[in-house]
Amino acid sequence: MPNIDGVRLLRELRALAEIGKYRTGVHRPTYSAADIEGRAWTAERMREAGLAPSIDGIGNVLGRSHNNGPALLLGSHTETQNHAGWLDGALGVVYGIEVARAFPMTASVVTSR
């Protein structure tokens, strides 16, 4: 039976929110140091989830399933609008990684620019 670990999920959402933290939200503009750090953090979480992460030339992070068959593609973005809420984009990415953990070999996760 698949297991979504809510404690880990919230811990990772909060950890990503620390990168570029600004007042009660987050400031990770595209290609800023905080954005680049957020992409590296995301790629490492993907690796830990059993995905094969890569970052393309414009900064999209793709965590590919090792499954050769069909896969569910989940994700969002990790850069933020100026002074955004702490879940801006991060919610879709971190939830996608958790789904990949719960359903190994069937989900891939992407962050987009």
PDB file of N, CA and C in Angstrom:
ATOM      1  N   MET A   1       0.844  -1.183   0.000  1.00  0.00           N
ATOM      2  CA  MET A   1       0.000   0.000   0.000  1.00  0.00           C
ATOM      3  C   MET A   1       0.890   1.246   0.000  1.00  0.00           C
ATOM      4  N   PRO A   2       0.674   2.178  -0.907  1.00  0.00           N
ATOM      5  CA  PRO A   2       1.469   3.411  -0.944  1.00  0.00           C
ATOM      6  C   PRO A   2       1.327   4.198   0.351  1.00  0.00           C
ATOM      7  N   ASN A   3       2.417   4.864   0.720  1.00  0.00           N
ATOM      8  CA  ASN A   3       2.406   5.625   1.964  1.00  0.00           C
ATOM      9  C   ASN A   3       2.922   7.038   1.709  1.00  0.00           C
ATOM     10  N   ILE A   4       2.026   8.023   1.852  1.00  0.00           N
ATOM     11  CA  ILE A   4       2.424   9.426   1.799  1.00  0.00           C
ATOM     12  C   ILE A   4       2.844   9.802   3.217  1.00  0.00           C
ATOM     13  N   ASP A   5       4.070  10.243   3.376  1.00  0.00           N
ATOM     14  CA  ASP A   5       4.600  10.623   4.687  1.00  0.00           C
ATOM     15  C   ASP A   5       4.363  12.118   4.893  1.00  0.00           C
ATOM     16  N   GLY A   6       3.267  12.444   5.566  1.00  0.00           N
ATOM     17  CA  GLY A   6       2.886  13.834   5.778  1.00  0.00           C
ATOM     18  C   GLY A   6       3.901  14.624   6.577  1.00  0.00           C
ATOM     19  N   VAL A   7       4.556  13.991   7.527  1.00  0.00           N
ATOM     20  CA  VAL A   7       5.563  14.677   8.335  1.00  0.00           C
ATOM     21  C   VAL A   7       6.749  15.078   7.455  1.00  0.00           C
ATOM     22  N   ARG A   8       7.229  14.145   6.642  1.00  0.00           N
ATOM     23  CA  ARG A   8       8.343  14.444   5.733  1.00  0.00           C
ATOM     24  C   ARG A   8       7.924  15.515   4.723  1.00  0.00           C
ATOM     25  N   LEU A   9       6.724  15.397   4.194  1.00  0.00           N
ATOM     26  CA  LEU A   9       6.221  16.343   3.213  1.00  0.00           C
ATOM     27  C   LEU A   9       6.243  17.768   3.758  1.00  0.00           C
ATOM     28  N   LEU A  10       5.710  17.970   4.939  1.00  0.00           N
ATOM     29  CA  LEU A  10       5.690  19.301   5.542  1.00  0.00           C
ATOM     30  C   LEU A  10       7.102  19.782   5.883  1.00  0.00           C
ATOM     31  N   ARG A  11       7.950  18.865   6.363  1.00  0.00           N
ATOM     32  CA  ARG A  11       9.342  19.218   6.673  1.00  0.00           C
ATOM     33  C   ARG A  11      10.068  19.699   5.421  1.00  0.00           C
ATOM     34  N   GLU A  12       9.848  19.033   4.294  1.00  0.00           N
ATOM     35  CA  GLU A  12      10.513  19.426   3.061  1.00  0.00           C
ATOM     36  C   GLU A  12       9.945  20.733   2.498  1.00  0.00           C
ATOM     37  N   LEU A  13       8.645  20.936   2.617  1.00  0.00           N
ATOM     38  CA  LEU A  13       8.069  22.215   2.205  1.00  0.00           C
ATOM     39  C   LEU A  13       8.678  23.356   3.008  1.00  0.00           C
ATOM     40  N   ARG A  14       8.818  23.145   4.306  1.00  0.00           N
ATOM     41  CA  ARG A  14       9.407  24.182   5.160  1.00  0.00           C
ATOM     42  C   ARG A  14      10.888  24.384   4.857  1.00  0.00           C
ATOM     43  N   ALA A  15      11.596  23.302   4.557  1.00  0.00           N
ATOM     44  CA  ALA A  15      13.030  23.416   4.222  1.00  0.00           C
ATOM     45  C   ALA A  15      13.220  24.226   2.938  1.00  0.00           C
ATOM     46  N   LEU A  16      12.403  23.953   1.922  1.00  0.00           N
ATOM     47  CA  LEU A  16      12.517  24.710   0.683  1.00  0.00           C
ATOM     48  C   LEU A  16      12.143  26.174   0.914  1.00  0.00           C
ATOM     49  N   ALA A  17      11.195  26.424   1.787  1.00  0.00           N
ATOM     50  CA  ALA A  17      10.787  27.804   2.093  1.00  0.00           C
ATOM     51  C   ALA A  17      11.902  28.598   2.766  1.00  0.00           C
ATOM     52  N   GLU A  18      12.853  27.921   3.378  1.00  0.00           N
ATOM     53  CA  GLU A  18      13.983  28.607   4.011  1.00  0.00           C
ATOM     54  C   GLU A  18      14.954  29.175   2.969  1.00  0.00           C
ATOM     55  N   ILE A  19      14.929  28.594   1.769  1.00  0.00           N
ATOM     56  CA  ILE A  19      15.810  29.074   0.702  1.00  0.00           C
ATOM     57  C   ILE A  19      15.146  30.299   0.082  1.00  0.00           C
ATOM     58  N   GLY A  20      15.706  31.444   0.318  1.00  0.00           N
ATOM     59  CA  GLY A  20      15.129  32.686  -0.170  1.00  0.00           C
ATOM     60  C   GLY A  20      14.061  33.262   0.743  1.00  0.00           C
ATOM     61  N   LYS A  21      14.050  32.821   1.981  1.00  0.00           N
ATOM     62  CA  LYS A  21      13.037  33.291   2.931  1.00  0.00           C
ATOM     63  C   LYS A  21      13.041  34.821   2.997  1.00  0.00           C
ATOM     64  N   TYR A  22      11.847  35.399   2.970  1.00  0.00           N
ATOM     65  CA  TYR A  22      11.690  36.847   3.036  1.00  0.00           C
ATOM     66  C   TYR A  22      10.429  37.146   3.834  1.00  0.00           C
ATOM     67  N   ARG A  23      10.604  37.724   5.006  1.00  0.00           N
ATOM     68  CA  ARG A  23       9.485  38.020   5.908  1.00  0.00           C
ATOM     69  C   ARG A  23       8.645  36.773   6.106  1.00  0.00           C
ATOM     70  N   THR A  24       7.367  36.808   5.725  1.00  0.00           N
ATOM     71  CA  THR A  24       6.503  35.634   5.909  1.00  0.00           C
ATOM     72  C   THR A  24       6.420  34.785   4.651  1.00  0.00           C
ATOM     73  N   GLY A  25       7.188  35.133   3.619  1.00  0.00           N
ATOM     74  CA  GLY A  25       7.128  34.411   2.357  1.00  0.00           C
ATOM     75  C   GLY A  25       8.502  34.034   1.848  1.00  0.00           C
ATOM     76  N   VAL A  26       8.623  34.016   0.538  1.00  0.00           N
ATOM     77  CA  VAL A  26       9.853  33.583  -0.121  1.00  0.00           C
ATOM     78  C   VAL A  26      10.146  34.515  -1.291  1.00  0.00           C
ATOM     79  N   HIS A  27      11.422  34.752  -1.531  1.00  0.00           N
ATOM     80  CA  HIS A  27      11.870  35.568  -2.663  1.00  0.00           C
ATOM     81  C   HIS A  27      12.972  34.795  -3.380  1.00  0.00           C
ATOM     82  N   ARG A  28      12.588  34.029  -4.422  1.00  0.00           N
ATOM     83  CA  ARG A  28      13.523  33.253  -5.237  1.00  0.00           C
ATOM     84  C   ARG A  28      13.312  33.610  -6.706  1.00  0.00           C
ATOM     85  N   PRO A  29      13.683  34.822  -7.102  1.00  0.00           N
ATOM     86  CA  PRO A  29      13.484  35.203  -8.507  1.00  0.00           C
ATOM     87  C   PRO A  29      14.298  34.305  -9.445  1.00  0.00           C
ATOM     88  N   THR A  30      13.798  34.144 -10.653  1.00  0.00           N
ATOM     89  CA  THR A  30      14.447  33.303 -11.653  1.00  0.00           C
ATOM     90  C   THR A  30      15.917  33.659 -11.821  1.00  0.00           C
ATOM     91  N   TYR A  31      16.768  32.636 -11.755  1.00  0.00           N
ATOM     92  CA  TYR A  31      18.224  32.701 -11.925  1.00  0.00           C
ATOM     93  C   TYR A  31      18.960  33.440 -10.807  1.00  0.00           C
ATOM     94  N   SER A  32      18.273  33.775  -9.727  1.00  0.00           N
ATOM     95  CA  SER A  32      18.958  34.364  -8.572  1.00  0.00           C
ATOM     96  C   SER A  32      19.714  33.259  -7.841  1.00  0.00           C
ATOM     97  N   ALA A  33      20.586  33.649  -6.922  1.00  0.00           N
ATOM     98  CA  ALA A  33      21.327  32.659  -6.128  1.00  0.00           C
ATOM     99  C   ALA A  33      20.357  31.742  -5.377  1.00  0.00           C
ATOM    100  N   ALA A  34      19.274  32.312  -4.842  1.00  0.00           N
ATOM    101  CA  ALA A  34      18.292  31.496  -4.106  1.00  0.00           C
ATOM    102  C   ALA A  34      17.596  30.516  -5.048  1.00  0.00           C
ATOM    103  N   ASP A  35      17.293  30.942  -6.261  1.00  0.00           N
ATOM    104  CA  ASP A  35      16.663  30.054  -7.240  1.00  0.00           C
ATOM    105  C   ASP A  35      17.590  28.896  -7.586  1.00  0.00           C
ATOM    106  N   ILE A  36      18.836  29.197  -7.839  1.00  0.00           N
ATOM    107  CA  ILE A  36      19.812  28.150  -8.175  1.00  0.00           C
ATOM    108  C   ILE A  36      19.967  27.173  -7.005  1.00  0.00           C
ATOM    109  N   GLU A  37      20.034  27.700  -5.786  1.00  0.00           N
ATOM    110  CA  GLU A  37      20.109  26.833  -4.601  1.00  0.00           C
ATOM    111  C   GLU A  37      18.853  25.973  -4.484  1.00  0.00           C
ATOM    112  N   GLY A  38      17.695  26.559  -4.754  1.00  0.00           N
ATOM    113  CA  GLY A  38      16.439  25.810  -4.702  1.00  0.00           C
ATOM    114  C   GLY A  38      16.391  24.686  -5.724  1.00  0.00           C
ATOM    115  N   ARG A  39      16.928  24.941  -6.907  1.00  0.00           N
ATOM    116  CA  ARG A  39      16.975  23.885  -7.935  1.00  0.00           C
ATOM    117  C   ARG A  39      17.892  22.740  -7.509  1.00  0.00           C
ATOM    118  N   ALA A  40      19.045  23.080  -6.941  1.00  0.00           N
ATOM    119  CA  ALA A  40      19.974  22.036  -6.475  1.00  0.00           C
ATOM    120  C   ALA A  40      19.341  21.234  -5.341  1.00  0.00           C
ATOM    121  N   TRP A  41      18.665  21.915  -4.418  1.00  0.00           N
ATOM    122  CA  TRP A  41      17.975  21.249  -3.302  1.00  0.00           C
ATOM    123  C   TRP A  41      16.935  20.277  -3.863  1.00  0.00           C
ATOM    124  N   THR A  42      16.170  20.755  -4.861  1.00  0.00           N
ATOM    125  CA  THR A  42      15.124  19.931  -5.466  1.00  0.00           C
ATOM    126  C   THR A  42      15.720  18.699  -6.143  1.00  0.00           C
ATOM    127  N   ALA A  43      16.795  18.871  -6.881  1.00  0.00           N
ATOM    128  CA  ALA A  43      17.432  17.740  -7.555  1.00  0.00           C
ATOM    129  C   ALA A  43      17.898  16.697  -6.539  1.00  0.00           C
ATOM    130  N   GLU A  44      18.417  17.135  -5.416  1.00  0.00           N
ATOM    131  CA  GLU A  44      18.859  16.186  -4.380  1.00  0.00           C
ATOM    132  C   GLU A  44      17.673  15.433  -3.786  1.00  0.00           C
ATOM    133  N   ARG A  45      16.551  16.118  -3.561  1.00  0.00           N
ATOM    134  CA  ARG A  45      15.359  15.415  -3.045  1.00  0.00           C
ATOM    135  C   ARG A  45      14.883  14.393  -4.065  1.00  0.00           C
ATOM    136  N   MET A  46      14.953  14.736  -5.340  1.00  0.00           N
ATOM    137  CA  MET A  46      14.562  13.786  -6.388  1.00  0.00           C
ATOM    138  C   MET A  46      15.449  12.555  -6.345  1.00  0.00           C
ATOM    139  N   ARG A  47      16.749  12.774  -6.208  1.00  0.00           N
ATOM    140  CA  ARG A  47      17.702  11.655  -6.133  1.00  0.00           C
ATOM    141  C   ARG A  47      17.356  10.756  -4.937  1.00  0.00           C
ATOM    142  N   GLU A  48      17.096  11.371  -3.790  1.00  0.00           N
ATOM    143  CA  GLU A  48      16.730  10.604  -2.587  1.00  0.00           C
ATOM    144  C   GLU A  48      15.440   9.812  -2.787  1.00  0.00           C
ATOM    145  N   ALA A  49      14.547  10.315  -3.649  1.00  0.00           N
ATOM    146  CA  ALA A  49      13.271   9.648  -3.920  1.00  0.00           C
ATOM    147  C   ALA A  49      13.408   8.533  -4.956  1.00  0.00           C
ATOM    148  N   GLY A  50      14.621   8.325  -5.461  1.00  0.00           N
ATOM    149  CA  GLY A  50      14.841   7.260  -6.427  1.00  0.00           C
ATOM    150  C   GLY A  50      14.673   7.690  -7.870  1.00  0.00           C
ATOM    151  N   LEU A  51      14.580   8.995  -8.099  1.00  0.00           N
ATOM    152  CA  LEU A  51      14.477   9.509  -9.456  1.00  0.00           C
ATOM    153  C   LEU A  51      15.870   9.850  -9.978  1.00  0.00           C
ATOM    154  N   ALA A  52      15.977  10.007 -11.286  1.00  0.00           N
ATOM    155  CA  ALA A  52      17.244  10.411 -11.916  1.00  0.00           C
ATOM    156  C   ALA A  52      17.115  11.884 -12.292  1.00  0.00           C
ATOM    157  N   PRO A  53      17.656  12.803 -11.456  1.00  0.00           N
ATOM    158  CA  PRO A  53      17.483  14.228 -11.734  1.00  0.00           C
ATOM    159  C   PRO A  53      18.481  14.760 -12.753  1.00  0.00           C
ATOM    160  N   SER A  54      18.030  15.750 -13.510  1.00  0.00           N
ATOM    161  CA  SER A  54      18.914  16.490 -14.407  1.00  0.00           C
ATOM    162  C   SER A  54      18.394  17.920 -14.476  1.00  0.00           C
ATOM    163  N   ILE A  55      19.303  18.845 -14.757  1.00  0.00           N
ATOM    164  CA  ILE A  55      18.935  20.250 -14.918  1.00  0.00           C
ATOM    165  C   ILE A  55      19.333  20.645 -16.330  1.00  0.00           C
ATOM    166  N   ASP A  56      18.369  21.124 -17.105  1.00  0.00           N
ATOM    167  CA  ASP A  56      18.674  21.464 -18.489  1.00  0.00           C
ATOM    168  C   ASP A  56      19.278  22.869 -18.595  1.00  0.00           C
ATOM    169  N   GLY A  57      19.544  23.314 -19.793  1.00  0.00           N
ATOM    170  CA  GLY A  57      20.247  24.564 -20.037  1.00  0.00           C
ATOM    171  C   GLY A  57      19.513  25.818 -19.603  1.00  0.00           C
ATOM    172  N   ILE A  58      18.212  25.756 -19.401  1.00  0.00           N
ATOM    173  CA  ILE A  58      17.487  26.938 -18.937  1.00  0.00           C
ATOM    174  C   ILE A  58      16.985  26.782 -17.501  1.00  0.00           C
ATOM    175  N   GLY A  59      17.416  25.716 -16.835  1.00  0.00           N
ATOM    176  CA  GLY A  59      17.124  25.563 -15.418  1.00  0.00           C
ATOM    177  C   GLY A  59      15.950  24.693 -15.054  1.00  0.00           C
ATOM    178  N   ASN A  60      15.300  24.056 -16.008  1.00  0.00           N
ATOM    179  CA  ASN A  60      14.256  23.098 -15.657  1.00  0.00           C
ATOM    180  C   ASN A  60      14.912  21.905 -14.963  1.00  0.00           C
ATOM    181  N   VAL A  61      14.300  21.430 -13.919  1.00  0.00           N
ATOM    182  CA  VAL A  61      14.803  20.255 -13.205  1.00  0.00           C
ATOM    183  C   VAL A  61      13.832  19.117 -13.482  1.00  0.00           C
ATOM    184  N   LEU A  62      14.346  18.021 -14.019  1.00  0.00           N
ATOM    185  CA  LEU A  62      13.511  16.867 -14.338  1.00  0.00           C
ATOM    186  C   LEU A  62      14.014  15.669 -13.551  1.00  0.00           C
ATOM    187  N   GLY A  63      13.152  15.097 -12.743  1.00  0.00           N
ATOM    188  CA  GLY A  63      13.472  13.872 -12.014  1.00  0.00           C
ATOM    189  C   GLY A  63      12.772  12.721 -12.711  1.00  0.00           C
ATOM    190  N   ARG A  64      13.519  11.972 -13.493  1.00  0.00           N
ATOM    191  CA  ARG A  64      12.921  10.899 -14.291  1.00  0.00           C
ATOM    192  C   ARG A  64      12.838   9.598 -13.501  1.00  0.00           C
ATOM    193  N   SER A  65      11.715   8.939 -13.677  1.00  0.00           N
ATOM    194  CA  SER A  65      11.541   7.595 -13.155  1.00  0.00           C
ATOM    195  C   SER A  65      12.483   6.656 -13.902  1.00  0.00           C
ATOM    196  N   HIS A  66      12.904   5.591 -13.257  1.00  0.00           N
ATOM    197  CA  HIS A  66      13.743   4.585 -13.913  1.00  0.00           C
ATOM    198  C   HIS A  66      12.892   3.603 -14.714  1.00  0.00           C
ATOM    199  N   ASN A  67      11.583   3.753 -14.645  1.00  0.00           N
ATOM    200  CA  ASN A  67      10.648   2.899 -15.360  1.00  0.00           C
ATOM    201  C   ASN A  67      10.689   3.228 -16.846  1.00  0.00           C
ATOM    202  N   ASN A  68      10.766   2.219 -17.679  1.00  0.00           N
ATOM    203  CA  ASN A  68      10.759   2.434 -19.127  1.00  0.00           C
ATOM    204  C   ASN A  68       9.353   2.595 -19.673  1.00  0.00           C
ATOM    205  N   GLY A  69       8.352   2.280 -18.860  1.00  0.00           N
ATOM    206  CA  GLY A  69       6.966   2.369 -19.309  1.00  0.00           C
ATOM    207  C   GLY A  69       6.364   3.732 -19.021  1.00  0.00           C
ATOM    208  N   PRO A  70       5.069   3.815 -19.138  1.00  0.00           N
ATOM    209  CA  PRO A  70       4.374   5.070 -18.874  1.00  0.00           C
ATOM    210  C   PRO A  70       4.622   5.555 -17.444  1.00  0.00           C
ATOM    211  N   ALA A  71       4.677   6.864 -17.297  1.00  0.00           N
ATOM    212  CA  ALA A  71       4.877   7.459 -15.976  1.00  0.00           C
ATOM    213  C   ALA A  71       3.992   8.685 -15.839  1.00  0.00           C
ATOM    214  N   LEU A  72       3.534   8.918 -14.652  1.00  0.00           N
ATOM    215  CA  LEU A  72       2.777  10.116 -14.330  1.00  0.00           C
ATOM    216  C   LEU A  72       3.763  11.261 -14.175  1.00  0.00           C
ATOM    217  N   LEU A  73       3.505  12.394 -14.823  1.00  0.00           N
ATOM    218  CA  LEU A  73       4.384  13.556 -14.730  1.00  0.00           C
ATOM    219  C   LEU A  73       3.730  14.589 -13.820  1.00  0.00           C
ATOM    220  N   LEU A  74       4.438  14.952 -12.750  1.00  0.00           N
ATOM    221  CA  LEU A  74       3.941  15.908 -11.760  1.00  0.00           C
ATOM    222  C   LEU A  74       4.943  17.031 -11.603  1.00  0.00           C
ATOM    223  N   GLY A  75       4.507  18.176 -11.099  1.00  0.00           N
ATOM    224  CA  GLY A  75       5.464  19.225 -10.805  1.00  0.00           C
ATOM    225  C   GLY A  75       4.878  20.614 -10.852  1.00  0.00           C
ATOM    226  N   SER A  76       5.752  21.568 -10.778  1.00  0.00           N
ATOM    227  CA  SER A  76       5.399  22.982 -10.790  1.00  0.00           C
ATOM    228  C   SER A  76       6.692  23.757 -10.993  1.00  0.00           C
ATOM    229  N   HIS A  77       6.955  24.755 -10.163  1.00  0.00           N
ATOM    230  CA  HIS A  77       8.165  25.566 -10.273  1.00  0.00           C
ATOM    231  C   HIS A  77       8.711  25.853  -8.877  1.00  0.00           C
ATOM    232  N   THR A  78      10.010  26.148  -8.792  1.00  0.00           N
ATOM    233  CA  THR A  78      10.606  26.469  -7.491  1.00  0.00           C
ATOM    234  C   THR A  78      11.050  27.917  -7.403  1.00  0.00           C
ATOM    235  N   GLU A  79      11.162  28.616  -8.551  1.00  0.00           N
ATOM    236  CA  GLU A  79      11.420  30.052  -8.468  1.00  0.00           C
ATOM    237  C   GLU A  79      10.096  30.699  -8.094  1.00  0.00           C
ATOM    238  N   THR A  80      10.128  31.914  -7.574  1.00  0.00           N
ATOM    239  CA  THR A  80       8.894  32.545  -7.103  1.00  0.00           C
ATOM    240  C   THR A  80       8.714  33.930  -7.704  1.00  0.00           C
ATOM    241  N   GLN A  81       7.513  34.383  -7.638  1.00  0.00           N
ATOM    242  CA  GLN A  81       7.245  35.790  -7.902  1.00  0.00           C
ATOM    243  C   GLN A  81       7.885  36.585  -6.767  1.00  0.00           C
ATOM    244  N   ASN A  82       8.097  37.855  -6.971  1.00  0.00           N
ATOM    245  CA  ASN A  82       8.695  38.673  -5.917  1.00  0.00           C
ATOM    246  C   ASN A  82       7.865  38.606  -4.633  1.00  0.00           C
ATOM    247  N   HIS A  83       8.538  38.236  -3.570  1.00  0.00           N
ATOM    248  CA  HIS A  83       7.947  38.223  -2.230  1.00  0.00           C
ATOM    249  C   HIS A  83       6.673  37.380  -2.204  1.00  0.00           C
ATOM    250  N   ALA A  84       6.761  36.189  -2.716  1.00  0.00           N
ATOM    251  CA  ALA A  84       5.621  35.286  -2.841  1.00  0.00           C
ATOM    252  C   ALA A  84       5.340  34.544  -1.542  1.00  0.00           C
ATOM    253  N   GLY A  85       4.226  33.855  -1.525  1.00  0.00           N
ATOM    254  CA  GLY A  85       3.896  32.974  -0.415  1.00  0.00           C
ATOM    255  C   GLY A  85       4.834  31.783  -0.395  1.00  0.00           C
ATOM    256  N   TRP A  86       4.999  31.177   0.761  1.00  0.00           N
ATOM    257  CA  TRP A  86       5.983  30.104   0.924  1.00  0.00           C
ATOM    258  C   TRP A  86       5.639  28.845   0.133  1.00  0.00           C
ATOM    259  N   LEU A  87       4.408  28.707  -0.311  1.00  0.00           N
ATOM    260  CA  LEU A  87       4.014  27.530  -1.092  1.00  0.00           C
ATOM    261  C   LEU A  87       3.987  27.802  -2.594  1.00  0.00           C
ATOM    262  N   ASP A  88       4.346  29.014  -3.018  1.00  0.00           N
ATOM    263  CA  ASP A  88       4.329  29.374  -4.437  1.00  0.00           C
ATOM    264  C   ASP A  88       5.198  28.407  -5.234  1.00  0.00           C
ATOM    265  N   GLY A  89       4.559  27.551  -6.008  1.00  0.00           N
ATOM    266  CA  GLY A  89       5.281  26.583  -6.827  1.00  0.00           C
ATOM    267  C   GLY A  89       5.773  25.371  -6.063  1.00  0.00           C
ATOM    268  N   ALA A  90       6.287  25.601  -4.875  1.00  0.00           N
ATOM    269  CA  ALA A  90       6.893  24.521  -4.090  1.00  0.00           C
ATOM    270  C   ALA A  90       5.912  23.395  -3.794  1.00  0.00           C
ATOM    271  N   LEU A  91       4.660  23.731  -3.591  1.00  0.00           N
ATOM    272  CA  LEU A  91       3.667  22.722  -3.240  1.00  0.00           C
ATOM    273  C   LEU A  91       3.595  21.619  -4.296  1.00  0.00           C
ATOM    274  N   GLY A  92       3.510  21.999  -5.576  1.00  0.00           N
ATOM    275  CA  GLY A  92       3.423  21.006  -6.647  1.00  0.00           C
ATOM    276  C   GLY A  92       4.683  20.174  -6.805  1.00  0.00           C
ATOM    277  N   VAL A  93       5.835  20.797  -6.574  1.00  0.00           N
ATOM    278  CA  VAL A  93       7.107  20.082  -6.714  1.00  0.00           C
ATOM    279  C   VAL A  93       7.305  19.086  -5.570  1.00  0.00           C
ATOM    280  N   VAL A  94       7.149  19.540  -4.340  1.00  0.00           N
ATOM    281  CA  VAL A  94       7.408  18.679  -3.189  1.00  0.00           C
ATOM    282  C   VAL A  94       6.354  17.568  -3.097  1.00  0.00           C
ATOM    283  N   TYR A  95       5.100  17.879  -3.404  1.00  0.00           N
ATOM    284  CA  TYR A  95       4.083  16.828  -3.440  1.00  0.00           C
ATOM    285  C   TYR A  95       4.421  15.812  -4.529  1.00  0.00           C
ATOM    286  N   GLY A  96       4.883  16.279  -5.691  1.00  0.00           N
ATOM    287  CA  GLY A  96       5.268  15.366  -6.760  1.00  0.00           C
ATOM    288  C   GLY A  96       6.363  14.409  -6.332  1.00  0.00           C
ATOM    289  N   ILE A  97       7.357  14.930  -5.620  1.00  0.00           N
ATOM    290  CA  ILE A  97       8.452  14.081  -5.129  1.00  0.00           C
ATOM    291  C   ILE A  97       7.918  13.056  -4.132  1.00  0.00           C
ATOM    292  N   GLU A  98       6.995  13.469  -3.273  1.00  0.00           N
ATOM    293  CA  GLU A  98       6.414  12.528  -2.297  1.00  0.00           C
ATOM    294  C   GLU A  98       5.604  11.443  -2.996  1.00  0.00           C
ATOM    295  N   VAL A  99       4.881  11.802  -4.043  1.00  0.00           N
ATOM    296  CA  VAL A  99       4.138  10.799  -4.814  1.00  0.00           C
ATOM    297  C   VAL A  99       5.107   9.819  -5.464  1.00  0.00           C
ATOM    298  N   ALA A 100       6.239  10.318  -5.970  1.00  0.00           N
ATOM    299  CA  ALA A 100       7.245   9.431  -6.565  1.00  0.00           C
ATOM    300  C   ALA A 100       7.786   8.460  -5.523  1.00  0.00           C
ATOM    301  N   ARG A 101       7.919   8.909  -4.285  1.00  0.00           N
ATOM    302  CA  ARG A 101       8.358   7.997  -3.213  1.00  0.00           C
ATOM    303  C   ARG A 101       7.292   6.944  -2.915  1.00  0.00           C
ATOM    304  N   ALA A 102       6.036   7.365  -2.900  1.00  0.00           N
ATOM    305  CA  ALA A 102       4.946   6.454  -2.540  1.00  0.00           C
ATOM    306  C   ALA A 102       4.625   5.458  -3.654  1.00  0.00           C
ATOM    307  N   PHE A 103       4.846   5.865  -4.897  1.00  0.00           N
ATOM    308  CA  PHE A 103       4.563   5.018  -6.061  1.00  0.00           C
ATOM    309  C   PHE A 103       5.832   4.859  -6.876  1.00  0.00           C
ATOM    310  N   PRO A 104       6.832   4.138  -6.363  1.00  0.00           N
ATOM    311  CA  PRO A 104       8.106   4.037  -7.070  1.00  0.00           C
ATOM    312  C   PRO A 104       7.928   3.457  -8.475  1.00  0.00           C
ATOM    313  N   MET A 105       8.737   3.985  -9.353  1.00  0.00           N
ATOM    314  CA  MET A 105       8.813   3.527 -10.734  1.00  0.00           C
ATOM    315  C   MET A 105       7.625   3.966 -11.584  1.00  0.00           C
ATOM    316  N   THR A 106       6.739   4.833 -11.082  1.00  0.00           N
ATOM    317  CA  THR A 106       5.594   5.231 -11.898  1.00  0.00           C
ATOM    318  C   THR A 106       5.415   6.739 -12.005  1.00  0.00           C
ATOM    319  N   ALA A 107       6.224   7.531 -11.341  1.00  0.00           N
ATOM    320  CA  ALA A 107       6.046   8.979 -11.389  1.00  0.00           C
ATOM    321  C   ALA A 107       7.368   9.675 -11.711  1.00  0.00           C
ATOM    322  N   SER A 108       7.289  10.709 -12.516  1.00  0.00           N
ATOM    323  CA  SER A 108       8.411  11.599 -12.784  1.00  0.00           C
ATOM    324  C   SER A 108       8.003  12.989 -12.336  1.00  0.00           C
ATOM    325  N   VAL A 109       8.972  13.812 -11.944  1.00  0.00           N
ATOM    326  CA  VAL A 109       8.676  15.137 -11.417  1.00  0.00           C
ATOM    327  C   VAL A 109       9.490  16.168 -12.184  1.00  0.00           C
ATOM    328  N   VAL A 110       8.864  17.294 -12.485  1.00  0.00           N
ATOM    329  CA  VAL A 110       9.542  18.357 -13.219  1.00  0.00           C
ATOM    330  C   VAL A 110       9.311  19.694 -12.525  1.00  0.00           C
ATOM    331  N   THR A 111      10.333  20.542 -12.527  1.00  0.00           N
ATOM    332  CA  THR A 111      10.154  21.950 -12.186  1.00  0.00           C
ATOM    333  C   THR A 111      10.421  22.716 -13.456  1.00  0.00           C
ATOM    334  N   SER A 112       9.624  23.715 -13.696  1.00  0.00           N
ATOM    335  CA  SER A 112       9.768  24.450 -14.950  1.00  0.00           C
ATOM    336  C   SER A 112      10.151  25.904 -14.706  1.00  0.00           C
ATOM    337  N   ARG A 113      10.662  26.534 -15.716  1.00  0.00           N
ATOM    338  CA  ARG A 113      11.000  27.953 -15.714  1.00  0.00           C
ATOM    339  C   ARG A 113       9.851  28.717 -16.215  1.00  0.00           C
TER     340      ARG A 113
END
